[in-house]
Amino acid sequence: MQVFSELRLLVVDDNPVNLLVAKRQFSCFGLNAEQADNGITALEILKERAFDVILIDLHMPGMDGYQLANMVQVLYPEIKVIIFTADILEEVRKRLRDMGIKYVLSKPFNPEEMHQLLL
């Protein structure tokens, strides 16, 4: 499995269990992913540090994943946005495509699928 030690990754999810599971999986890939538990915190982190990829949960209180993804696309167009969601309805996927989001990782995630997406 390819190691991604140079990849700068931010994971945004309001569920601490999801953050823990994702962090453990990323560490298997050689990644030390930063974490934020909401959209506001994520934006604060993005102001301070550069990232290559942001993994965003869709359903969060306050600023949801759609709003955060849109802001990241406008403010930081160089960052690849991956939506991390259990919501697999076609209308959700269509809305994301309409927003220009190309990458969606389903929860619970398959480690191999996550690895391929990062490649």
N, C-alpha and C. Protein backbone atom coordinates (compact mmCIF):
# COMPACT_ATOMS: atom_id res chain seq x y z
N MET A 1 0.84 -1.18 0.00
CA MET A 1 0.00 0.00 0.00
C MET A 1 0.88 1.24 0.00
N GLN A 2 0.60 2.17 -0.90
CA GLN A 2 1.41 3.38 -1.02
C GLN A 2 1.28 4.25 0.22
N VAL A 3 2.38 4.82 0.61
CA VAL A 3 2.41 5.70 1.78
C VAL A 3 2.30 7.15 1.29
N PHE A 4 1.55 7.94 2.02
CA PHE A 4 1.26 9.32 1.61
C PHE A 4 1.84 10.31 2.61
N SER A 5 3.06 10.13 3.03
CA SER A 5 3.61 10.95 4.11
C SER A 5 3.65 12.45 3.77
N GLU A 6 3.69 12.80 2.50
CA GLU A 6 3.76 14.21 2.11
C GLU A 6 2.39 14.85 1.94
N LEU A 7 1.33 14.06 1.93
CA LEU A 7 -0.02 14.57 1.71
C LEU A 7 -0.51 15.28 2.97
N ARG A 8 -0.99 16.51 2.79
CA ARG A 8 -1.53 17.29 3.91
C ARG A 8 -3.05 17.18 3.86
N LEU A 9 -3.63 16.58 4.90
CA LEU A 9 -5.04 16.22 4.92
C LEU A 9 -5.73 16.77 6.16
N LEU A 10 -6.93 17.32 5.94
CA LEU A 10 -7.77 17.79 7.04
C LEU A 10 -9.07 17.01 6.98
N VAL A 11 -9.48 16.42 8.11
CA VAL A 11 -10.73 15.68 8.22
C VAL A 11 -11.69 16.50 9.08
N VAL A 12 -12.91 16.70 8.57
CA VAL A 12 -13.91 17.49 9.30
C VAL A 12 -15.15 16.64 9.52
N ASP A 13 -15.43 16.35 10.78
CA ASP A 13 -16.59 15.52 11.14
C ASP A 13 -16.95 15.85 12.58
N ASP A 14 -18.25 15.99 12.87
CA ASP A 14 -18.67 16.32 14.22
C ASP A 14 -18.74 15.09 15.13
N ASN A 15 -18.59 13.89 14.56
CA ASN A 15 -18.67 12.66 15.34
C ASN A 15 -17.25 12.22 15.75
N PRO A 16 -16.96 12.21 17.06
CA PRO A 16 -15.60 11.85 17.50
C PRO A 16 -15.20 10.43 17.13
N VAL A 17 -16.15 9.51 17.07
CA VAL A 17 -15.83 8.13 16.68
C VAL A 17 -15.38 8.09 15.22
N ASN A 18 -16.09 8.81 14.36
CA ASN A 18 -15.69 8.87 12.95
C ASN A 18 -14.30 9.47 12.79
N LEU A 19 -14.00 10.50 13.56
CA LEU A 19 -12.68 11.12 13.51
C LEU A 19 -11.60 10.13 13.95
N LEU A 20 -11.88 9.39 15.01
CA LEU A 20 -10.91 8.41 15.51
C LEU A 20 -10.65 7.31 14.49
N VAL A 21 -11.73 6.77 13.92
CA VAL A 21 -11.59 5.69 12.93
C VAL A 21 -10.81 6.19 11.70
N ALA A 22 -11.16 7.37 11.22
CA ALA A 22 -10.47 7.93 10.06
C ALA A 22 -8.99 8.17 10.38
N LYS A 23 -8.71 8.73 11.54
CA LYS A 23 -7.32 9.00 11.93
C LYS A 23 -6.50 7.71 11.97
N ARG A 24 -7.08 6.66 12.53
CA ARG A 24 -6.37 5.37 12.59
C ARG A 24 -6.11 4.84 11.20
N GLN A 25 -7.10 4.94 10.31
CA GLN A 25 -6.91 4.43 8.95
C GLN A 25 -5.87 5.25 8.22
N PHE A 26 -5.91 6.55 8.35
CA PHE A 26 -4.92 7.40 7.68
C PHE A 26 -3.52 7.10 8.20
N SER A 27 -3.39 6.80 9.49
CA SER A 27 -2.06 6.49 10.02
C SER A 27 -1.52 5.21 9.38
N CYS A 28 -2.40 4.28 9.00
CA CYS A 28 -1.97 3.07 8.28
C CYS A 28 -1.40 3.42 6.91
N PHE A 29 -1.82 4.54 6.35
CA PHE A 29 -1.32 5.01 5.06
C PHE A 29 -0.09 5.91 5.23
N GLY A 30 0.35 6.10 6.46
CA GLY A 30 1.49 6.97 6.71
C GLY A 30 1.13 8.44 6.81
N LEU A 31 -0.16 8.71 6.99
CA LEU A 31 -0.65 10.09 7.06
C LEU A 31 -0.95 10.50 8.49
N ASN A 32 -0.57 11.71 8.82
CA ASN A 32 -0.96 12.28 10.10
C ASN A 32 -1.98 13.37 9.78
N ALA A 33 -3.23 12.98 9.66
CA ALA A 33 -4.29 13.91 9.27
C ALA A 33 -4.66 14.83 10.43
N GLU A 34 -4.86 16.11 10.10
CA GLU A 34 -5.38 17.05 11.10
C GLU A 34 -6.89 16.88 11.15
N GLN A 35 -7.49 17.32 12.25
CA GLN A 35 -8.92 17.13 12.44
C GLN A 35 -9.60 18.40 12.91
N ALA A 36 -10.88 18.52 12.50
CA ALA A 36 -11.74 19.60 12.99
C ALA A 36 -13.11 18.98 13.24
N ASP A 37 -13.77 19.42 14.30
CA ASP A 37 -15.07 18.83 14.63
C ASP A 37 -16.26 19.66 14.13
N ASN A 38 -15.97 20.72 13.36
CA ASN A 38 -17.06 21.50 12.74
C ASN A 38 -16.48 22.38 11.64
N GLY A 39 -17.37 22.98 10.85
CA GLY A 39 -16.94 23.79 9.73
C GLY A 39 -16.21 25.06 10.11
N ILE A 40 -16.64 25.70 11.18
CA ILE A 40 -15.99 26.95 11.63
C ILE A 40 -14.54 26.68 12.02
N THR A 41 -14.33 25.62 12.79
CA THR A 41 -12.97 25.26 13.20
C THR A 41 -12.13 24.91 11.98
N ALA A 42 -12.73 24.21 11.03
CA ALA A 42 -12.01 23.84 9.80
C ALA A 42 -11.54 25.09 9.06
N LEU A 43 -12.40 26.09 8.93
CA LEU A 43 -12.02 27.32 8.24
C LEU A 43 -10.90 28.05 8.98
N GLU A 44 -10.93 28.02 10.31
CA GLU A 44 -9.86 28.64 11.10
C GLU A 44 -8.53 27.93 10.84
N ILE A 45 -8.55 26.61 10.80
CA ILE A 45 -7.34 25.82 10.53
C ILE A 45 -6.83 26.12 9.12
N LEU A 46 -7.74 26.21 8.15
CA LEU A 46 -7.35 26.47 6.76
C LEU A 46 -6.67 27.83 6.60
N LYS A 47 -7.04 28.80 7.44
CA LYS A 47 -6.40 30.12 7.38
C LYS A 47 -4.94 30.04 7.82
N GLU A 48 -4.63 29.07 8.70
CA GLU A 48 -3.30 28.98 9.29
C GLU A 48 -2.36 28.04 8.54
N ARG A 49 -2.90 26.99 7.91
CA ARG A 49 -2.06 25.97 7.30
C ARG A 49 -2.59 25.56 5.94
N ALA A 50 -1.69 25.13 5.08
CA ALA A 50 -2.06 24.67 3.74
C ALA A 50 -2.36 23.16 3.76
N PHE A 51 -3.33 22.77 2.95
CA PHE A 51 -3.71 21.36 2.84
C PHE A 51 -3.87 20.99 1.37
N ASP A 52 -3.66 19.72 1.09
CA ASP A 52 -3.86 19.19 -0.26
C ASP A 52 -5.28 18.66 -0.43
N VAL A 53 -5.81 18.06 0.67
CA VAL A 53 -7.10 17.39 0.63
C VAL A 53 -7.87 17.73 1.90
N ILE A 54 -9.19 17.92 1.74
CA ILE A 54 -10.08 18.06 2.90
C ILE A 54 -11.19 17.03 2.75
N LEU A 55 -11.39 16.27 3.79
CA LEU A 55 -12.43 15.24 3.84
C LEU A 55 -13.54 15.79 4.73
N ILE A 56 -14.74 15.98 4.17
CA ILE A 56 -15.81 16.69 4.86
C ILE A 56 -17.05 15.81 5.03
N ASP A 57 -17.53 15.71 6.27
CA ASP A 57 -18.81 15.07 6.55
C ASP A 57 -19.91 16.02 6.08
N LEU A 58 -20.96 15.46 5.49
CA LEU A 58 -22.06 16.32 5.00
C LEU A 58 -22.94 16.85 6.11
N HIS A 59 -23.26 16.00 7.08
CA HIS A 59 -24.28 16.35 8.07
C HIS A 59 -23.64 16.74 9.39
N MET A 60 -23.44 18.05 9.55
CA MET A 60 -22.88 18.60 10.79
C MET A 60 -23.77 19.75 11.23
N PRO A 61 -23.87 19.98 12.54
CA PRO A 61 -24.66 21.12 13.01
C PRO A 61 -23.97 22.43 12.68
N GLY A 62 -24.74 23.49 12.62
CA GLY A 62 -24.18 24.79 12.27
C GLY A 62 -23.91 24.84 10.78
N MET A 63 -22.66 24.87 10.41
CA MET A 63 -22.27 24.87 9.00
C MET A 63 -22.20 23.41 8.53
N ASP A 64 -23.09 23.05 7.60
CA ASP A 64 -23.07 21.66 7.12
C ASP A 64 -21.97 21.46 6.08
N GLY A 65 -21.81 20.22 5.65
CA GLY A 65 -20.75 19.89 4.71
C GLY A 65 -20.91 20.55 3.35
N TYR A 66 -22.15 20.76 2.93
CA TYR A 66 -22.37 21.46 1.65
C TYR A 66 -21.82 22.89 1.72
N GLN A 67 -22.14 23.58 2.81
CA GLN A 67 -21.69 24.97 2.98
C GLN A 67 -20.17 25.04 3.08
N LEU A 68 -19.59 24.13 3.88
CA LEU A 68 -18.14 24.12 4.04
C LEU A 68 -17.45 23.80 2.72
N ALA A 69 -17.94 22.79 2.01
CA ALA A 69 -17.34 22.42 0.72
C ALA A 69 -17.38 23.59 -0.25
N ASN A 70 -18.50 24.28 -0.28
CA ASN A 70 -18.62 25.44 -1.17
C ASN A 70 -17.61 26.53 -0.81
N MET A 71 -17.46 26.80 0.48
CA MET A 71 -16.51 27.83 0.92
C MET A 71 -15.08 27.43 0.59
N VAL A 72 -14.75 26.15 0.79
CA VAL A 72 -13.41 25.68 0.48
C VAL A 72 -13.14 25.81 -1.01
N GLN A 73 -14.11 25.46 -1.84
CA GLN A 73 -13.94 25.56 -3.29
C GLN A 73 -13.68 27.01 -3.72
N VAL A 74 -14.35 27.95 -3.07
CA VAL A 74 -14.20 29.37 -3.43
C VAL A 74 -12.90 29.94 -2.87
N LEU A 75 -12.64 29.69 -1.58
CA LEU A 75 -11.50 30.31 -0.91
C LEU A 75 -10.18 29.58 -1.15
N TYR A 76 -10.25 28.26 -1.34
CA TYR A 76 -9.04 27.43 -1.47
C TYR A 76 -9.21 26.46 -2.64
N PRO A 77 -9.29 26.97 -3.86
CA PRO A 77 -9.58 26.10 -5.01
C PRO A 77 -8.51 25.03 -5.28
N GLU A 78 -7.33 25.20 -4.70
CA GLU A 78 -6.27 24.21 -4.90
C GLU A 78 -6.47 22.95 -4.04
N ILE A 79 -7.36 23.00 -3.06
CA ILE A 79 -7.60 21.86 -2.17
C ILE A 79 -8.62 20.93 -2.81
N LYS A 80 -8.29 19.64 -2.85
CA LYS A 80 -9.24 18.62 -3.33
C LYS A 80 -10.24 18.36 -2.22
N VAL A 81 -11.53 18.43 -2.57
CA VAL A 81 -12.60 18.19 -1.59
C VAL A 81 -13.14 16.77 -1.78
N ILE A 82 -13.15 16.02 -0.68
CA ILE A 82 -13.76 14.69 -0.65
C ILE A 82 -14.89 14.76 0.36
N ILE A 83 -16.08 14.38 -0.06
CA ILE A 83 -17.22 14.33 0.86
C ILE A 83 -17.25 12.93 1.48
N PHE A 84 -17.44 12.91 2.79
CA PHE A 84 -17.40 11.70 3.60
C PHE A 84 -18.79 11.56 4.21
N THR A 85 -19.62 10.64 3.68
CA THR A 85 -21.01 10.60 4.12
C THR A 85 -21.63 9.21 4.08
N ALA A 86 -22.61 9.00 4.94
CA ALA A 86 -23.41 7.77 4.91
C ALA A 86 -24.61 7.95 3.99
N ASP A 87 -24.83 9.17 3.54
CA ASP A 87 -25.97 9.51 2.68
C ASP A 87 -25.64 9.17 1.23
N ILE A 88 -26.21 8.07 0.74
CA ILE A 88 -25.87 7.62 -0.61
C ILE A 88 -27.02 7.82 -1.60
N LEU A 89 -27.99 8.64 -1.24
CA LEU A 89 -29.11 8.89 -2.13
C LEU A 89 -28.64 9.57 -3.41
N GLU A 90 -29.26 9.22 -4.53
CA GLU A 90 -28.85 9.77 -5.82
C GLU A 90 -29.00 11.29 -5.86
N GLU A 91 -30.03 11.85 -5.21
CA GLU A 91 -30.19 13.30 -5.24
C GLU A 91 -29.04 14.01 -4.50
N VAL A 92 -28.49 13.34 -3.47
CA VAL A 92 -27.34 13.90 -2.77
C VAL A 92 -26.13 13.89 -3.71
N ARG A 93 -25.91 12.77 -4.37
CA ARG A 93 -24.78 12.66 -5.30
C ARG A 93 -24.92 13.66 -6.46
N LYS A 94 -26.15 13.85 -6.92
CA LYS A 94 -26.38 14.81 -8.00
C LYS A 94 -26.08 16.23 -7.52
N ARG A 95 -26.55 16.56 -6.32
CA ARG A 95 -26.28 17.90 -5.77
C ARG A 95 -24.77 18.14 -5.66
N LEU A 96 -24.04 17.11 -5.20
CA LEU A 96 -22.59 17.24 -5.09
C LEU A 96 -21.94 17.40 -6.46
N ARG A 97 -22.39 16.63 -7.44
CA ARG A 97 -21.86 16.77 -8.81
C ARG A 97 -22.13 18.18 -9.33
N ASP A 98 -23.35 18.67 -9.08
CA ASP A 98 -23.71 20.03 -9.53
C ASP A 98 -22.82 21.09 -8.87
N MET A 99 -22.32 20.80 -7.68
CA MET A 99 -21.42 21.71 -6.97
C MET A 99 -19.98 21.57 -7.47
N GLY A 100 -19.74 20.57 -8.31
CA GLY A 100 -18.39 20.34 -8.80
C GLY A 100 -17.58 19.40 -7.93
N ILE A 101 -18.24 18.72 -7.00
CA ILE A 101 -17.56 17.75 -6.13
C ILE A 101 -17.45 16.43 -6.89
N LYS A 102 -16.23 15.98 -7.09
CA LYS A 102 -15.98 14.76 -7.86
C LYS A 102 -15.82 13.53 -6.98
N TYR A 103 -15.44 13.74 -5.72
CA TYR A 103 -15.04 12.62 -4.89
C TYR A 103 -15.96 12.47 -3.68
N VAL A 104 -16.55 11.26 -3.55
CA VAL A 104 -17.41 10.95 -2.42
C VAL A 104 -16.96 9.62 -1.84
N LEU A 105 -16.75 9.59 -0.54
CA LEU A 105 -16.37 8.38 0.17
C LEU A 105 -17.51 8.02 1.10
N SER A 106 -18.05 6.82 0.91
CA SER A 106 -19.20 6.39 1.70
C SER A 106 -18.77 5.91 3.08
N LYS A 107 -19.63 6.19 4.06
CA LYS A 107 -19.47 5.67 5.43
C LYS A 107 -20.39 4.47 5.56
N PRO A 108 -20.02 3.42 6.23
CA PRO A 108 -18.65 3.19 6.69
C PRO A 108 -17.74 2.98 5.48
N PHE A 109 -16.53 3.50 5.57
CA PHE A 109 -15.64 3.46 4.43
C PHE A 109 -14.89 2.14 4.33
N ASN A 110 -14.55 1.81 3.11
CA ASN A 110 -13.71 0.65 2.82
C ASN A 110 -12.28 1.20 2.72
N PRO A 111 -11.34 0.66 3.52
CA PRO A 111 -9.97 1.19 3.48
C PRO A 111 -9.36 1.18 2.08
N GLU A 112 -9.64 0.17 1.29
CA GLU A 112 -9.09 0.12 -0.07
C GLU A 112 -9.67 1.22 -0.94
N GLU A 113 -10.97 1.49 -0.76
CA GLU A 113 -11.61 2.57 -1.52
C GLU A 113 -10.99 3.91 -1.13
N MET A 114 -10.76 4.10 0.17
CA MET A 114 -10.14 5.33 0.65
C MET A 114 -8.73 5.47 0.05
N HIS A 115 -7.99 4.39 0.05
CA HIS A 115 -6.63 4.40 -0.49
C HIS A 115 -6.65 4.77 -1.97
N GLN A 116 -7.54 4.17 -2.74
CA GLN A 116 -7.64 4.47 -4.16
C GLN A 116 -8.02 5.93 -4.41
N LEU A 117 -8.91 6.44 -3.60
CA LEU A 117 -9.33 7.83 -3.74
C LEU A 117 -8.17 8.78 -3.47
N LEU A 118 -7.35 8.47 -2.49
CA LEU A 118 -6.20 9.31 -2.18
C LEU A 118 -5.15 9.26 -3.27
N LEU A 119 -5.06 8.12 -3.94
CA LEU A 119 -4.11 8.00 -5.08
C LEU A 119 -4.51 8.97 -6.17
